[in-house]
Amino acid sequence: MTSAPHPTPLTADDDWWRSAVVYQVYVRSFADSNSDGVGDLEGIRQRLPYLRDLGVDALWLTPFYTSPQIDAGYDVADYRDVDPLFGNLGDFDAMITDAHALGLRIIVDLVPNHTSSAHPWFTAALAAGPGSPERERYLFAEGKGEQGELPPNDWESIFGGPAWTRVPDGQWYLHLFDPAQPDLNWRHPEVRVEFEDVLRFWLDRGVDGFRIDVAHGMIKAEGLPDVGFNSMTTGQRQSELLGKGRLPYFDQDEVHDIYRAWRPILDSYPGGRMAVAEAWAETPQRLARYIGPDELHQAFSFDFLDATWSADSFRKVIDTALAESTIVGAPTTWVLSNHDRQRHVTRYGDGEVGLRRARAAALLMLSLPGCAYVYQGEELGLPEVLDLPDELRQDPAFLRTGESRDGCRVPIPWSGELAPYGFGPEGSELSWLPAPATWRALSVAAQAGVAGSTLELYRAALRIRHEHPALAGTDGITWLETEPGVLAFRRTAGGAELTCVVNISGAEVTVAGHGRPVVASADLTERGDGHVLPVDAAAWFERR
């Protein structure tokens, strides 16, 4: 299959990604165009004006490739085609053309650590047998025990249980996630050539960048050594070391050779094509190695997502991330929620408390230098759906661990009084996961144009972020002295100042001396020469 010719994206601004706001579209839960209850590419195309008006710069689309959908498309059977569930290549081309016409760039998910077990390479490997060239593309190994009846080592799946599955001829294959997602052997030259071609296929179609799934995982330690513990032997899951310690199947030094081969491909296309790593590393220094002029452009700052609701926690994470960004010469990439983590409204306390804090956190994130990623629905203040019936959950990790990511993947509400709130065409009642009755008040239609709504807060903040000279560029911040539990920092540029103040102190505070307020997550009242900032609230003040 060949790529369709596509015009050069937007502009020749190679640095657009340094300060962009990227909106993550979880494709199956964004907008359904054909009443089958699942979001699709045409649904995204129809809703592009909403995203333009929201004020984001780019969209990151979760996988829409041909897939059995065992893990919501992260089990890819064909990297060069669209799954019929989401449309076809023509739909993709029409969507990206319209996006570019509206000034929106498109980032697509790339899943290089593993394929689907339905991928032609894996079906060929099973058919060819032990020792075959076909099996060399994956990680097959002989088992331990008298008859090879035990897994080759003690590695554990991120989704729970052993990371190995035995096939009828006696060998075992590695899958760091679901058994339907066999890991590729990235030391095999065919694998590297294949993915370089996949990159070019989508770049030729006009995509502006890639989000690299499990970017830290493609290389495994030579000899496949034991970790030394797992949940069966000690009760501790190996996944608990993610971002905290070294594992023989994650963050191996050799993985950087892959990205050094990819960067010239990205650089050979006009318009600033980029890549962002979903990478976990035990130290900020090791995470920073994924970023640079000869590797990837960005890596998510998951420490920011993991920060607790305290001034000390946020300040420590922000200082560390900004220091590392200075070393590597690339901006920090901030994120509060995504399709794998509980929504931050719920993480911050749920209900009214969680929403207040989430709104304040949004102003904190959007005022920091660098790039920000917004997960669909956070601009509506959506909480996690905690009471989904077990029989409706589709996360493959649920059956293995009892933990489910489905609650952050419920289709977002657009309009109407009844679920699924305009998710599909008028009259459609299908939705692959049910939305709760409380979301009626959180829909786009219910919030649009309503002063003080979370949607209008995001629109205002994004507009100011784009227009205010002090927020231009990626220069650092200046921390200001404050009461305990209050964060305040200033950004300056072009003769303008913008100060962000976040009150996490537990008591209202008076803010003075920073100019006039331009946006706030809660109502401010004047007091003397200043303004009273409520508990769990944030505001931006400007002085020009």
Protein backbone atom coordinates (compact mmCIF):
# COMPACT_ATOMS: atom_id res chain seq x y z
CA MET A 1 0.00 0.00 0.00
CA THR A 2 1.43 3.38 -0.98
CA SER A 3 0.96 6.71 0.68
CA ALA A 4 -1.27 9.31 -0.86
CA PRO A 5 0.50 12.58 -1.63
CA HIS A 6 -0.28 15.27 0.89
CA PRO A 7 0.53 18.97 0.99
CA THR A 8 3.14 20.27 3.38
CA PRO A 9 1.58 20.79 6.83
CA LEU A 10 0.59 24.26 7.98
CA THR A 11 3.79 26.31 8.10
CA ALA A 12 7.52 25.85 8.09
CA ASP A 13 7.66 26.60 11.83
CA ASP A 14 9.93 23.82 12.97
CA ASP A 15 9.62 24.84 16.64
CA TRP A 16 5.81 24.80 16.96
CA TRP A 17 5.95 21.87 19.38
CA ARG A 18 8.08 23.72 21.94
CA SER A 19 5.15 25.63 23.41
CA ALA A 20 2.14 23.86 21.88
CA VAL A 21 -0.99 22.74 23.68
CA VAL A 22 -1.82 19.25 22.43
CA TYR A 23 -5.27 17.73 22.91
CA GLN A 24 -5.34 13.96 23.34
CA VAL A 25 -8.19 12.38 21.40
CA TYR A 26 -9.08 8.91 22.65
CA VAL A 27 -10.55 8.00 19.28
CA ARG A 28 -13.17 5.46 20.36
CA SER A 29 -14.57 7.89 22.96
CA PHE A 30 -14.50 11.27 21.23
CA ALA A 31 -17.28 11.38 18.63
CA ASP A 32 -19.27 8.67 16.78
CA SER A 33 -20.35 9.54 13.22
CA ASN A 34 -22.20 6.34 12.26
CA SER A 35 -24.30 5.37 15.32
CA ASP A 36 -22.34 2.20 16.15
CA GLY A 37 -21.47 3.49 19.63
CA VAL A 38 -17.74 3.85 18.92
CA GLY A 39 -15.90 7.06 18.06
CA ASP A 40 -14.26 7.29 14.65
CA LEU A 41 -12.17 9.47 12.34
CA GLU A 42 -15.19 11.09 10.68
CA GLY A 43 -16.50 11.95 14.14
CA ILE A 44 -13.21 13.72 14.89
CA ARG A 45 -13.43 15.54 11.55
CA GLN A 46 -16.92 16.82 12.38
CA ARG A 47 -15.78 18.14 15.75
CA LEU A 48 -12.57 19.86 14.59
CA PRO A 49 -14.15 23.34 14.81
CA TYR A 50 -14.78 22.73 18.52
CA LEU A 51 -11.09 21.99 19.04
CA ARG A 52 -10.04 25.03 17.03
CA ASP A 53 -12.33 27.21 19.15
CA LEU A 54 -11.03 25.61 22.34
CA GLY A 55 -7.63 26.98 21.40
CA VAL A 56 -5.39 23.92 21.15
CA ASP A 57 -2.57 23.65 18.61
CA ALA A 58 -2.51 19.95 17.82
CA LEU A 59 -4.34 16.66 18.35
CA TRP A 60 -2.78 13.39 19.47
CA LEU A 61 -4.87 10.48 18.22
CA THR A 62 -4.76 7.12 20.00
CA PRO A 63 -4.32 4.10 17.69
CA PHE A 64 -6.83 3.75 14.86
CA TYR A 65 -4.92 1.04 12.97
CA THR A 66 -6.21 -2.40 11.96
CA SER A 67 -6.51 -4.33 15.21
CA PRO A 68 -8.49 -7.06 17.00
CA GLN A 69 -9.04 -4.37 19.69
CA ILE A 70 -7.94 -6.60 22.57
CA ASP A 71 -6.23 -3.57 24.13
CA ALA A 72 -8.24 -0.76 22.52
CA GLY A 73 -6.08 -0.66 19.41
CA TYR A 74 -2.68 -0.87 21.14
CA ASP A 75 -2.52 -4.35 19.61
CA VAL A 76 -1.75 -3.47 15.98
CA ALA A 77 -2.23 -5.97 13.16
CA ASP A 78 -1.50 -3.55 10.29
CA TYR A 79 0.44 -0.34 10.89
CA ARG A 80 -0.41 1.11 7.48
CA ASP A 81 -4.20 0.95 7.46
CA VAL A 82 -7.23 2.14 9.41
CA ASP A 83 -9.40 -0.35 11.28
CA PRO A 84 -12.92 -0.44 9.77
CA LEU A 85 -14.22 0.36 13.26
CA PHE A 86 -12.77 3.86 12.81
CA GLY A 87 -13.14 4.34 9.05
CA ASN A 88 -10.58 4.04 6.26
CA LEU A 89 -7.51 5.79 4.87
CA GLY A 90 -9.74 8.15 2.90
CA ASP A 91 -11.37 9.24 6.17
CA PHE A 92 -7.94 9.82 7.67
CA ASP A 93 -6.82 11.93 4.71
CA ALA A 94 -10.01 14.01 4.83
CA MET A 95 -9.63 14.50 8.59
CA ILE A 96 -6.01 15.63 8.43
CA THR A 97 -6.71 17.93 5.48
CA ASP A 98 -9.49 19.65 7.41
CA ALA A 99 -7.37 19.80 10.57
CA HIS A 100 -4.55 21.54 8.75
CA ALA A 101 -7.01 23.94 7.13
CA LEU A 102 -8.15 24.92 10.64
CA GLY A 103 -4.59 25.36 11.88
CA LEU A 104 -4.51 22.10 13.85
CA ARG A 105 -1.64 19.64 13.62
CA ILE A 106 -2.02 15.86 13.94
CA ILE A 107 0.13 13.57 16.09
CA VAL A 108 -0.52 9.83 15.79
CA ASP A 109 0.25 7.03 18.22
CA LEU A 110 3.00 4.61 17.22
CA VAL A 111 3.17 1.24 18.99
CA PRO A 112 6.64 -0.22 18.33
CA ASN A 113 7.25 -2.40 21.41
CA HIS A 114 4.80 -5.09 20.36
CA THR A 115 2.38 -6.08 17.62
CA SER A 116 -0.95 -7.84 17.78
CA SER A 117 -0.85 -11.63 17.87
CA ALA A 118 -2.95 -11.29 14.69
CA HIS A 119 -0.13 -9.48 12.88
CA PRO A 120 1.05 -11.45 9.81
CA TRP A 121 4.55 -11.62 11.25
CA PHE A 122 3.37 -13.35 14.41
CA THR A 123 1.05 -15.80 12.69
CA ALA A 124 3.98 -16.68 10.42
CA ALA A 125 6.22 -17.13 13.45
CA LEU A 126 3.79 -19.56 15.07
CA ALA A 127 3.50 -21.54 11.84
CA ALA A 128 7.25 -21.65 11.16
CA GLY A 129 8.34 -23.20 14.45
CA PRO A 130 11.41 -22.99 16.70
CA GLY A 131 14.64 -21.71 15.21
CA SER A 132 12.97 -20.19 12.15
CA PRO A 133 13.77 -16.73 10.75
CA GLU A 134 10.14 -15.79 11.34
CA ARG A 135 10.49 -16.34 15.08
CA GLU A 136 13.59 -14.17 15.20
CA ARG A 137 11.40 -11.09 14.75
CA TYR A 138 9.91 -11.73 18.21
CA LEU A 139 11.31 -12.89 21.54
CA PHE A 140 10.79 -16.64 21.71
CA ALA A 141 12.75 -18.70 24.25
CA GLU A 142 12.95 -22.18 25.71
CA GLY A 143 11.38 -22.67 29.12
CA LYS A 144 12.97 -23.79 32.36
CA GLY A 145 12.22 -27.01 34.23
CA GLU A 146 12.72 -30.64 33.20
CA GLN A 147 10.34 -30.36 30.25
CA GLY A 148 10.61 -26.61 29.67
CA GLU A 149 7.32 -26.24 31.51
CA LEU A 150 8.37 -23.11 33.40
CA PRO A 151 8.71 -19.61 31.90
CA PRO A 152 12.20 -18.61 30.72
CA ASN A 153 12.54 -16.05 33.53
CA ASP A 154 10.56 -14.28 36.26
CA TRP A 155 9.45 -11.29 34.18
CA GLU A 156 5.96 -10.05 34.86
CA SER A 157 3.38 -8.45 32.58
CA ILE A 158 2.41 -4.85 33.26
CA PHE A 159 -1.16 -6.15 33.10
CA GLY A 160 -0.41 -8.74 35.82
CA GLY A 161 0.75 -12.37 35.76
CA PRO A 162 3.70 -13.85 33.86
CA ALA A 163 5.09 -12.01 30.84
CA TRP A 164 5.44 -15.31 28.97
CA THR A 165 2.98 -17.58 27.17
CA ARG A 166 3.80 -21.09 25.95
CA VAL A 167 2.90 -22.20 22.44
CA PRO A 168 2.04 -25.80 21.46
CA ASP A 169 5.56 -26.66 20.26
CA GLY A 170 6.93 -25.92 23.74
CA GLN A 171 8.59 -22.53 23.25
CA TRP A 172 7.52 -19.41 25.11
CA TYR A 173 7.05 -15.88 23.75
CA LEU A 174 7.42 -12.62 25.63
CA HIS A 175 4.56 -10.16 26.09
CA LEU A 176 5.13 -7.34 28.55
CA PHE A 177 1.43 -6.55 28.25
CA ASP A 178 -1.40 -8.85 27.13
CA PRO A 179 -0.67 -12.29 25.57
CA ALA A 180 -2.31 -10.82 22.45
CA GLN A 181 0.59 -8.29 22.29
CA PRO A 182 3.84 -10.20 21.62
CA ASP A 183 7.02 -8.14 22.02
CA LEU A 184 9.16 -7.54 18.97
CA ASN A 185 12.88 -8.29 18.84
CA TRP A 186 14.36 -4.85 18.19
CA ARG A 187 17.83 -6.30 17.67
CA HIS A 188 16.53 -7.80 14.43
CA PRO A 189 17.32 -5.55 11.43
CA GLU A 190 13.99 -6.35 9.72
CA VAL A 191 12.10 -4.86 12.66
CA ARG A 192 14.06 -1.62 12.46
CA VAL A 193 13.62 -1.31 8.70
CA GLU A 194 9.90 -2.01 9.00
CA PHE A 195 9.24 0.77 11.49
CA GLU A 196 11.36 3.28 9.63
CA ASP A 197 9.10 2.59 6.66
CA VAL A 198 5.99 2.95 8.84
CA LEU A 199 7.24 6.36 9.96
CA ARG A 200 7.63 7.46 6.35
CA PHE A 201 4.20 6.11 5.41
CA TRP A 202 2.41 8.40 7.87
CA LEU A 203 4.78 11.33 7.36
CA ASP A 204 3.98 11.12 3.65
CA ARG A 205 0.29 11.37 4.55
CA GLY A 206 1.00 14.62 6.36
CA VAL A 207 1.14 13.71 10.05
CA ASP A 208 3.00 16.26 12.15
CA GLY A 209 4.37 13.93 14.78
CA PHE A 210 4.27 10.67 16.71
CA ARG A 211 3.59 9.73 20.30
CA ILE A 212 5.83 6.71 20.95
CA ASP A 213 4.06 4.11 23.09
CA VAL A 214 6.28 2.34 25.65
CA ALA A 215 9.25 4.27 24.27
CA HIS A 216 11.46 2.83 27.01
CA GLY A 217 10.64 -0.80 26.28
CA MET A 218 11.91 -1.97 22.91
CA ILE A 219 15.30 -3.30 24.03
CA LYS A 220 15.63 -6.07 26.60
CA ALA A 221 18.81 -6.92 28.51
CA GLU A 222 21.04 -9.51 26.83
CA GLY A 223 20.41 -13.00 28.15
CA LEU A 224 16.96 -12.06 29.52
CA PRO A 225 18.10 -12.09 33.18
CA ASP A 226 15.71 -12.51 36.10
CA VAL A 227 14.47 -9.45 37.97
CA GLY A 228 14.79 -11.37 41.23
CA PHE A 229 11.23 -10.96 42.46
CA ASN A 230 7.65 -10.77 41.27
CA SER A 231 4.16 -10.76 42.72
CA MET A 232 4.17 -14.55 43.04
CA THR A 233 7.39 -14.71 45.05
CA THR A 234 7.21 -11.57 47.22
CA GLY A 235 3.80 -10.05 46.67
CA GLN A 236 5.40 -6.99 45.06
CA ARG A 237 4.56 -6.37 41.42
CA GLN A 238 7.49 -5.51 39.18
CA SER A 239 5.41 -2.70 37.64
CA GLU A 240 5.73 -0.88 40.98
CA LEU A 241 9.31 -0.09 39.93
CA LEU A 242 8.15 1.91 36.90
CA GLY A 243 9.82 5.29 37.18
CA LYS A 244 11.56 4.25 40.40
CA GLY A 245 14.07 1.53 39.58
CA ARG A 246 15.74 -0.39 36.75
CA LEU A 247 14.17 -3.42 35.14
CA PRO A 248 15.99 -5.63 32.59
CA TYR A 249 13.20 -5.09 30.07
CA PHE A 250 12.87 -1.30 30.34
CA ASP A 251 15.11 1.73 29.73
CA GLN A 252 18.09 -0.17 28.35
CA ASP A 253 20.84 2.05 26.94
CA GLU A 254 20.62 0.47 23.49
CA VAL A 255 17.09 1.84 22.97
CA HIS A 256 18.61 5.22 22.17
CA ASP A 257 20.18 3.80 18.99
CA ILE A 258 16.64 3.40 17.63
CA TYR A 259 15.75 7.05 18.17
CA ARG A 260 19.05 8.24 16.73
CA ALA A 261 18.05 6.40 13.55
CA TRP A 262 14.53 7.89 13.58
CA ARG A 263 15.49 11.53 14.09
CA PRO A 264 17.03 12.04 10.61
CA ILE A 265 13.82 10.67 9.09
CA LEU A 266 11.70 13.18 10.99
CA ASP A 267 14.12 16.00 10.17
CA SER A 268 13.99 15.19 6.45
CA TYR A 269 10.34 16.33 6.28
CA PRO A 270 9.33 20.03 6.35
CA GLY A 271 7.20 21.70 8.99
CA GLY A 272 8.83 20.54 12.21
CA ARG A 273 7.77 16.88 12.40
CA MET A 274 8.26 15.68 15.97
CA ALA A 275 8.07 12.75 18.36
CA VAL A 276 7.16 12.56 22.04
CA ALA A 277 8.14 9.64 24.26
CA GLU A 278 5.91 7.84 26.68
CA ALA A 279 8.92 6.80 28.72
CA TRP A 280 9.47 5.79 32.31
CA ALA A 281 12.95 5.99 33.81
CA GLU A 282 14.29 5.70 37.33
CA THR A 283 15.74 9.23 37.41
CA PRO A 284 15.01 12.52 35.64
CA GLN A 285 18.52 12.31 34.22
CA ARG A 286 17.81 9.01 32.49
CA LEU A 287 14.48 10.29 31.19
CA ALA A 288 16.25 13.34 29.76
CA ARG A 289 18.40 11.04 27.61
CA TYR A 290 15.39 10.40 25.35
CA ILE A 291 15.34 14.07 24.39
CA GLY A 292 17.79 15.99 22.26
CA PRO A 293 18.73 17.16 18.78
CA ASP A 294 19.69 13.61 17.76
CA GLU A 295 16.83 11.72 19.45
CA LEU A 296 13.22 12.60 20.36
CA HIS A 297 11.78 16.08 20.80
CA GLN A 298 9.81 15.54 24.01
CA ALA A 299 9.11 13.12 26.85
CA PHE A 300 6.08 13.34 29.11
CA SER A 301 6.68 14.65 32.61
CA PHE A 302 4.74 11.99 34.51
CA ASP A 303 6.16 13.31 37.78
CA PHE A 304 3.90 16.33 37.28
CA LEU A 305 0.91 14.01 36.83
CA ASP A 306 1.93 12.11 39.96
CA ALA A 307 2.43 15.21 42.13
CA THR A 308 0.24 15.30 45.22
CA TRP A 309 -2.01 18.26 45.95
CA SER A 310 0.57 20.25 47.87
CA ALA A 311 2.72 23.25 47.10
CA ASP A 312 5.91 21.43 48.05
CA SER A 313 5.16 18.50 45.75
CA PHE A 314 4.39 20.68 42.74
CA ARG A 315 7.36 22.97 43.30
CA LYS A 316 9.81 20.09 43.57
CA VAL A 317 8.50 18.47 40.38
CA ILE A 318 8.49 21.75 38.46
CA ASP A 319 12.03 22.70 39.56
CA THR A 320 13.41 19.28 38.63
CA ALA A 321 11.70 19.22 35.24
CA LEU A 322 12.80 22.74 34.30
CA ALA A 323 16.38 22.03 35.36
CA GLU A 324 16.49 18.93 33.18
CA SER A 325 14.93 20.76 30.24
CA THR A 326 17.71 23.35 30.42
CA ILE A 327 20.35 20.62 30.26
CA VAL A 328 18.88 18.92 27.18
CA GLY A 329 17.83 22.13 25.45
CA ALA A 330 14.22 21.01 25.00
CA PRO A 331 11.03 22.16 26.69
CA THR A 332 9.27 20.27 29.44
CA THR A 333 6.10 18.40 28.48
CA TRP A 334 3.40 18.75 31.16
CA VAL A 335 0.41 16.45 31.58
CA LEU A 336 -2.32 16.07 34.23
CA SER A 337 -4.35 13.14 32.86
CA ASN A 338 -4.37 10.62 30.03
CA HIS A 339 -6.11 7.43 28.90
CA ASP A 340 -4.06 5.26 31.27
CA ARG A 341 -4.55 7.19 34.51
CA GLN A 342 -7.45 8.13 36.75
CA ARG A 343 -8.77 11.58 35.85
CA HIS A 344 -7.26 14.27 38.03
CA VAL A 345 -10.61 15.62 39.24
CA THR A 346 -10.96 12.31 41.08
CA ARG A 347 -7.30 12.01 42.05
CA TYR A 348 -7.50 15.42 43.71
CA GLY A 349 -10.45 14.48 45.90
CA ASP A 350 -13.42 14.03 43.53
CA GLY A 351 -16.67 15.99 43.77
CA GLU A 352 -16.57 19.75 44.26
CA VAL A 353 -13.18 19.65 45.99
CA GLY A 354 -11.60 17.66 43.18
CA LEU A 355 -13.06 19.94 40.52
CA ARG A 356 -11.83 23.10 42.27
CA ARG A 357 -8.35 21.67 42.48
CA ALA A 358 -8.40 20.40 38.89
CA ARG A 359 -9.36 23.86 37.62
CA ALA A 360 -6.51 25.41 39.61
CA ALA A 361 -4.08 22.77 38.35
CA ALA A 362 -5.07 23.60 34.78
CA LEU A 363 -4.04 27.24 35.25
CA LEU A 364 -0.81 26.09 36.88
CA MET A 365 0.03 23.77 33.97
CA LEU A 366 -0.95 26.19 31.21
CA SER A 367 1.19 28.99 32.64
CA LEU A 368 4.38 26.91 32.78
CA PRO A 369 6.92 27.16 29.96
CA GLY A 370 6.97 24.29 27.52
CA CYS A 371 4.33 22.06 25.97
CA ALA A 372 1.09 20.98 27.66
CA TYR A 373 -1.07 17.94 26.85
CA VAL A 374 -4.79 18.10 27.63
CA TYR A 375 -6.74 14.84 27.84
CA GLN A 376 -10.15 14.96 26.19
CA GLY A 377 -12.88 15.90 28.64
CA GLU A 378 -10.63 17.56 31.20
CA GLU A 379 -11.73 20.89 29.72
CA LEU A 380 -15.23 19.86 30.84
CA GLY A 381 -14.14 18.93 34.37
CA LEU A 382 -15.02 15.26 33.88
CA PRO A 383 -14.36 12.99 36.88
CA GLU A 384 -13.43 9.33 36.74
CA VAL A 385 -16.42 6.99 36.34
CA LEU A 386 -15.90 4.69 39.31
CA ASP A 387 -19.05 2.56 39.18
CA LEU A 388 -18.93 0.93 35.75
CA PRO A 389 -20.43 -2.58 35.91
CA ASP A 390 -17.71 -5.20 35.76
CA GLU A 391 -19.31 -6.92 32.77
CA LEU A 392 -18.94 -3.74 30.70
CA ARG A 393 -15.27 -3.15 31.42
CA GLN A 394 -13.00 -3.85 28.45
CA ASP A 395 -9.51 -3.11 29.78
CA PRO A 396 -7.50 -6.36 29.41
CA ALA A 397 -5.73 -5.59 32.68
CA PHE A 398 -9.02 -5.87 34.56
CA LEU A 399 -9.29 -9.66 34.39
CA ARG A 400 -5.64 -10.09 35.43
CA THR A 401 -5.33 -7.50 38.22
CA GLY A 402 -8.81 -6.19 39.01
CA GLU A 403 -7.59 -2.74 38.03
CA SER A 404 -9.28 -0.98 35.14
CA ARG A 405 -8.57 2.10 33.03
CA ASP A 406 -12.09 2.13 31.58
CA GLY A 407 -13.30 4.82 33.99
CA CYS A 408 -11.25 7.53 32.26
CA ARG A 409 -12.29 6.33 28.80
CA VAL A 410 -16.06 6.85 28.97
CA PRO A 411 -17.23 8.81 25.86
CA ILE A 412 -17.33 12.54 26.48
CA PRO A 413 -20.71 14.34 26.64
CA TRP A 414 -21.56 16.81 23.89
CA SER A 415 -25.22 17.76 24.41
CA GLY A 416 -28.67 16.66 25.50
CA GLU A 417 -30.43 15.51 28.63
CA LEU A 418 -29.87 11.77 28.29
CA ALA A 419 -26.82 9.56 27.80
CA PRO A 420 -24.87 9.22 25.60
CA TYR A 421 -25.24 13.02 25.39
CA GLY A 422 -24.79 13.57 21.68
CA PHE A 423 -21.84 11.19 21.35
CA GLY A 424 -23.37 9.88 18.11
CA PRO A 425 -25.72 11.29 15.44
CA GLU A 426 -29.09 12.62 16.55
CA GLY A 427 -31.25 9.80 17.88
CA SER A 428 -28.33 7.42 18.45
CA GLU A 429 -28.44 5.72 21.85
CA LEU A 430 -25.36 3.52 21.55
CA SER A 431 -22.15 4.10 23.50
CA TRP A 432 -19.44 1.49 24.04
CA LEU A 433 -19.26 2.56 27.71
CA PRO A 434 -22.17 4.25 29.54
CA ALA A 435 -21.91 7.84 30.76
CA PRO A 436 -23.38 8.66 34.18
CA ALA A 437 -26.48 10.82 34.64
CA THR A 438 -24.40 13.47 36.41
CA TRP A 439 -22.60 14.26 33.16
CA ARG A 440 -25.71 16.00 31.82
CA ALA A 441 -24.51 19.21 33.47
CA LEU A 442 -20.95 18.74 32.21
CA SER A 443 -21.64 18.51 28.47
CA VAL A 444 -20.15 20.90 25.96
CA ALA A 445 -23.58 22.39 25.25
CA ALA A 446 -24.30 22.87 28.96
CA GLN A 447 -21.03 24.75 29.53
CA ALA A 448 -20.46 26.68 26.28
CA GLY A 449 -20.89 30.39 26.82
CA VAL A 450 -21.57 29.97 30.55
CA ALA A 451 -19.40 32.31 32.60
CA GLY A 452 -17.36 30.42 35.18
CA SER A 453 -17.77 26.99 33.56
CA THR A 454 -14.72 24.79 33.25
CA LEU A 455 -14.96 24.85 29.46
CA GLU A 456 -14.90 28.64 29.39
CA LEU A 457 -12.01 28.66 31.89
CA TYR A 458 -9.94 26.52 29.49
CA ARG A 459 -10.94 28.65 26.50
CA ALA A 460 -9.93 31.83 28.30
CA ALA A 461 -6.64 30.40 29.58
CA LEU A 462 -5.69 29.01 26.17
CA ARG A 463 -6.50 32.29 24.47
CA ILE A 464 -4.35 34.24 26.93
CA ARG A 465 -1.56 31.66 26.65
CA HIS A 466 -1.43 32.26 22.90
CA GLU A 467 -1.76 36.03 23.02
CA HIS A 468 0.16 37.16 26.09
CA PRO A 469 3.77 38.15 25.34
CA ALA A 470 4.97 36.98 28.78
CA LEU A 471 3.87 33.42 27.98
CA ALA A 472 5.61 33.31 24.63
CA GLY A 473 8.65 31.10 24.26
CA THR A 474 10.05 28.57 26.69
CA ASP A 475 12.10 30.71 29.07
CA GLY A 476 12.03 29.70 32.71
CA ILE A 477 10.11 31.08 35.68
CA THR A 478 10.94 33.22 38.69
CA TRP A 479 9.57 31.94 41.99
CA LEU A 480 8.16 34.58 44.33
CA GLU A 481 8.11 34.59 48.13
CA THR A 482 4.69 33.62 49.48
CA GLU A 483 2.88 32.29 52.52
CA PRO A 484 3.35 28.56 53.19
CA GLY A 485 1.20 26.45 50.90
CA VAL A 486 1.02 29.06 48.16
CA LEU A 487 2.82 28.78 44.83
CA ALA A 488 3.61 31.96 42.92
CA PHE A 489 5.90 32.48 39.96
CA ARG A 490 6.39 35.12 37.32
CA ARG A 491 7.11 34.92 33.61
CA THR A 492 8.40 37.96 31.74
CA ALA A 493 8.95 38.74 28.06
CA GLY A 494 8.40 41.59 25.66
CA GLY A 495 8.05 44.14 28.44
CA ALA A 496 5.15 42.22 29.99
CA GLU A 497 4.79 40.23 33.20
CA LEU A 498 2.37 37.45 34.04
CA THR A 499 2.22 35.98 37.54
CA CYS A 500 0.51 32.69 38.40
CA VAL A 501 -0.60 32.20 42.00
CA VAL A 502 -1.99 28.88 43.28
CA ASN A 503 -3.48 28.66 46.76
CA ILE A 504 -3.00 25.19 48.28
CA SER A 505 -2.67 26.54 51.82
CA GLY A 506 -6.06 25.62 53.26
CA ALA A 507 -7.07 29.24 53.89
CA GLU A 508 -7.88 32.16 51.62
CA VAL A 509 -4.99 34.52 50.84
CA THR A 510 -4.76 38.11 49.67
CA VAL A 511 -2.73 38.61 46.50
CA ALA A 512 -1.37 42.10 45.79
CA GLY A 513 1.36 43.76 43.80
CA HIS A 514 1.16 41.65 40.64
CA GLY A 515 -1.15 43.78 38.54
CA ARG A 516 -4.67 43.07 37.40
CA PRO A 517 -6.23 39.56 37.27
CA VAL A 518 -6.80 38.22 33.76
CA VAL A 519 -8.20 34.76 34.53
CA ALA A 520 -9.01 32.84 37.71
CA SER A 521 -10.28 29.37 38.52
CA ALA A 522 -12.64 30.77 41.20
CA ASP A 523 -14.26 34.13 41.87
CA LEU A 524 -11.93 36.79 43.24
CA THR A 525 -12.98 39.61 45.54
CA GLU A 526 -11.14 42.87 46.03
CA ARG A 527 -9.53 43.63 49.39
CA GLY A 528 -7.61 46.86 49.70
CA ASP A 529 -5.04 46.98 46.93
CA GLY A 530 -5.26 43.25 46.28
CA HIS A 531 -7.58 40.36 45.59
CA VAL A 532 -8.71 37.48 47.80
CA LEU A 533 -7.79 34.12 46.28
CA PRO A 534 -9.97 31.31 47.71
CA VAL A 535 -8.72 27.93 48.87
CA ASP A 536 -7.79 25.49 46.07
CA ALA A 537 -7.84 28.23 43.45
CA ALA A 538 -5.41 29.79 41.00
CA ALA A 539 -5.27 33.08 39.14
CA TRP A 540 -3.12 34.86 36.59
CA PHE A 541 -2.19 38.51 37.10
CA GLU A 542 -0.61 40.73 34.46
CA ARG A 543 1.46 43.86 34.43
CA ARG A 544 2.51 45.41 31.13
